[in-house]
Amino acid sequence: MRKKTPELREAFIGRFTEHHAFLLTKMLARIDQLSADIADLERAHQRPDRPSGRPPR
């Protein structure tokens, strides 16, 4: 999504207010945090010390 930032800016010229920028910043930050959380979970799931197929207790 971040790779498309210039295209998104161009698409919103004339209809993109400061309020929209604020909301978009919040949404992108949330996506970044969720992506980081998913990466953490994937790393934890692949740890060799955890029995495969079962979540840790």
N, C-alpha and C. Protein backbone atom coordinates (compact mmCIF):
# COMPACT_ATOMS: atom_id res chain seq x y z
N MET A 1 0.83 -1.19 0.00
CA MET A 1 0.00 0.00 0.00
C MET A 1 0.87 1.25 0.00
N ARG A 2 1.93 1.25 0.78
CA ARG A 2 2.78 2.43 0.86
C ARG A 2 3.45 2.74 -0.48
N LYS A 3 3.67 1.72 -1.31
CA LYS A 3 4.28 1.94 -2.62
C LYS A 3 3.37 2.77 -3.51
N LYS A 4 2.08 2.74 -3.22
CA LYS A 4 1.11 3.42 -4.06
C LYS A 4 0.76 4.82 -3.54
N THR A 5 1.49 5.32 -2.56
CA THR A 5 1.17 6.61 -1.97
C THR A 5 1.10 7.73 -3.01
N PRO A 6 2.06 7.84 -3.94
CA PRO A 6 1.93 8.92 -4.94
C PRO A 6 0.66 8.80 -5.78
N GLU A 7 0.29 7.60 -6.17
CA GLU A 7 -0.93 7.42 -6.95
C GLU A 7 -2.17 7.78 -6.13
N LEU A 8 -2.14 7.42 -4.84
CA LEU A 8 -3.27 7.76 -3.98
C LEU A 8 -3.39 9.27 -3.82
N ARG A 9 -2.26 9.94 -3.66
CA ARG A 9 -2.30 11.41 -3.54
C ARG A 9 -2.91 12.03 -4.79
N GLU A 10 -2.47 11.57 -5.93
CA GLU A 10 -2.97 12.12 -7.19
C GLU A 10 -4.47 11.87 -7.34
N ALA A 11 -4.93 10.70 -6.91
CA ALA A 11 -6.34 10.36 -7.04
C ALA A 11 -7.23 11.25 -6.17
N PHE A 12 -6.69 11.78 -5.09
CA PHE A 12 -7.51 12.55 -4.15
C PHE A 12 -7.34 14.06 -4.28
N ILE A 13 -6.60 14.52 -5.28
CA ILE A 13 -6.40 15.96 -5.43
C ILE A 13 -7.76 16.65 -5.53
N GLY A 14 -7.93 17.68 -4.70
CA GLY A 14 -9.17 18.45 -4.71
C GLY A 14 -10.25 17.90 -3.80
N ARG A 15 -10.11 16.68 -3.34
CA ARG A 15 -11.15 16.09 -2.49
C ARG A 15 -10.54 15.50 -1.22
N PHE A 16 -9.33 15.83 -0.93
CA PHE A 16 -8.63 15.23 0.20
C PHE A 16 -8.29 16.32 1.20
N THR A 17 -9.05 16.36 2.29
CA THR A 17 -8.87 17.42 3.30
C THR A 17 -7.91 16.97 4.39
N GLU A 18 -7.60 17.89 5.28
CA GLU A 18 -6.75 17.55 6.43
C GLU A 18 -7.39 16.45 7.28
N HIS A 19 -8.69 16.48 7.37
CA HIS A 19 -9.40 15.44 8.12
C HIS A 19 -9.19 14.07 7.48
N HIS A 20 -9.26 14.02 6.15
CA HIS A 20 -9.01 12.76 5.45
C HIS A 20 -7.57 12.30 5.69
N ALA A 21 -6.64 13.24 5.67
CA ALA A 21 -5.23 12.89 5.92
C ALA A 21 -5.07 12.32 7.32
N PHE A 22 -5.73 12.91 8.29
CA PHE A 22 -5.67 12.41 9.67
C PHE A 22 -6.21 10.98 9.75
N LEU A 23 -7.38 10.76 9.14
CA LEU A 23 -7.97 9.42 9.18
C LEU A 23 -7.09 8.39 8.47
N LEU A 24 -6.56 8.77 7.31
CA LEU A 24 -5.71 7.85 6.56
C LEU A 24 -4.44 7.52 7.33
N THR A 25 -3.86 8.51 8.01
CA THR A 25 -2.67 8.28 8.83
C THR A 25 -2.97 7.27 9.93
N LYS A 26 -4.11 7.42 10.57
CA LYS A 26 -4.52 6.48 11.63
C LYS A 26 -4.72 5.08 11.07
N MET A 27 -5.37 4.98 9.91
CA MET A 27 -5.63 3.66 9.31
C MET A 27 -4.33 2.98 8.89
N LEU A 28 -3.42 3.73 8.29
CA LEU A 28 -2.15 3.15 7.86
C LEU A 28 -1.31 2.71 9.07
N ALA A 29 -1.36 3.48 10.15
CA ALA A 29 -0.64 3.09 11.36
C ALA A 29 -1.21 1.80 11.92
N ARG A 30 -2.52 1.67 11.88
CA ARG A 30 -3.16 0.44 12.37
C ARG A 30 -2.75 -0.75 11.50
N ILE A 31 -2.72 -0.57 10.18
CA ILE A 31 -2.30 -1.64 9.28
C ILE A 31 -0.86 -2.03 9.56
N ASP A 32 0.01 -1.04 9.76
CA ASP A 32 1.42 -1.32 10.07
C ASP A 32 1.54 -2.13 11.36
N GLN A 33 0.78 -1.75 12.39
CA GLN A 33 0.84 -2.47 13.66
C GLN A 33 0.32 -3.89 13.52
N LEU A 34 -0.77 -4.06 12.80
CA LEU A 34 -1.31 -5.40 12.59
C LEU A 34 -0.33 -6.27 11.79
N SER A 35 0.34 -5.68 10.82
CA SER A 35 1.34 -6.42 10.04
C SER A 35 2.49 -6.86 10.95
N ALA A 36 2.92 -5.98 11.84
CA ALA A 36 3.99 -6.33 12.78
C ALA A 36 3.52 -7.43 13.73
N ASP A 37 2.29 -7.35 14.20
CA ASP A 37 1.75 -8.38 15.09
C ASP A 37 1.69 -9.74 14.38
N ILE A 38 1.27 -9.74 13.13
CA ILE A 38 1.20 -10.99 12.36
C ILE A 38 2.59 -11.58 12.19
N ALA A 39 3.57 -10.73 11.89
CA ALA A 39 4.94 -11.22 11.74
C ALA A 39 5.44 -11.82 13.05
N ASP A 40 5.14 -11.19 14.19
CA ASP A 40 5.53 -11.73 15.49
C ASP A 40 4.89 -13.09 15.74
N LEU A 41 3.61 -13.20 15.42
CA LEU A 41 2.91 -14.47 15.62
C LEU A 41 3.47 -15.56 14.72
N GLU A 42 3.79 -15.20 13.49
CA GLU A 42 4.37 -16.19 12.58
C GLU A 42 5.73 -16.66 13.08
N ARG A 43 6.54 -15.73 13.59
CA ARG A 43 7.85 -16.12 14.14
C ARG A 43 7.67 -17.02 15.35
N ALA A 44 6.74 -16.70 16.23
CA ALA A 44 6.51 -17.51 17.42
C ALA A 44 6.01 -18.90 17.03
N HIS A 45 5.21 -18.96 16.00
CA HIS A 45 4.66 -20.24 15.55
C HIS A 45 5.75 -21.13 14.96
N GLN A 46 6.81 -20.55 14.42
CA GLN A 46 7.86 -21.31 13.76
C GLN A 46 9.02 -21.65 14.70
N ARG A 47 8.92 -21.30 15.97
CA ARG A 47 10.00 -21.60 16.91
C ARG A 47 10.21 -23.10 17.02
N PRO A 48 11.47 -23.55 16.95
CA PRO A 48 11.74 -24.99 17.01
C PRO A 48 11.47 -25.62 18.38
N ASP A 49 11.45 -24.83 19.45
CA ASP A 49 11.25 -25.39 20.79
C ASP A 49 9.78 -25.63 21.12
N ARG A 50 8.88 -25.29 20.22
CA ARG A 50 7.45 -25.48 20.44
C ARG A 50 6.99 -26.70 19.67
N PRO A 51 6.25 -27.59 20.30
CA PRO A 51 5.73 -28.75 19.58
C PRO A 51 4.85 -28.28 18.42
N SER A 52 5.08 -28.84 17.26
CA SER A 52 4.33 -28.40 16.09
C SER A 52 2.87 -28.82 16.18
N GLY A 53 2.04 -27.97 15.63
CA GLY A 53 0.63 -28.29 15.57
C GLY A 53 -0.16 -27.89 16.80
N ARG A 54 0.48 -27.52 17.87
CA ARG A 54 -0.24 -27.14 19.09
C ARG A 54 0.18 -25.74 19.54
N PRO A 55 -0.79 -24.92 19.91
CA PRO A 55 -0.42 -23.60 20.42
C PRO A 55 0.20 -23.72 21.81
N PRO A 56 1.08 -22.80 22.19
CA PRO A 56 1.67 -22.86 23.52
C PRO A 56 0.61 -22.63 24.58
N ARG A 57 0.79 -23.22 25.76
CA ARG A 57 -0.16 -23.05 26.88
C ARG A 57 0.45 -22.23 27.96
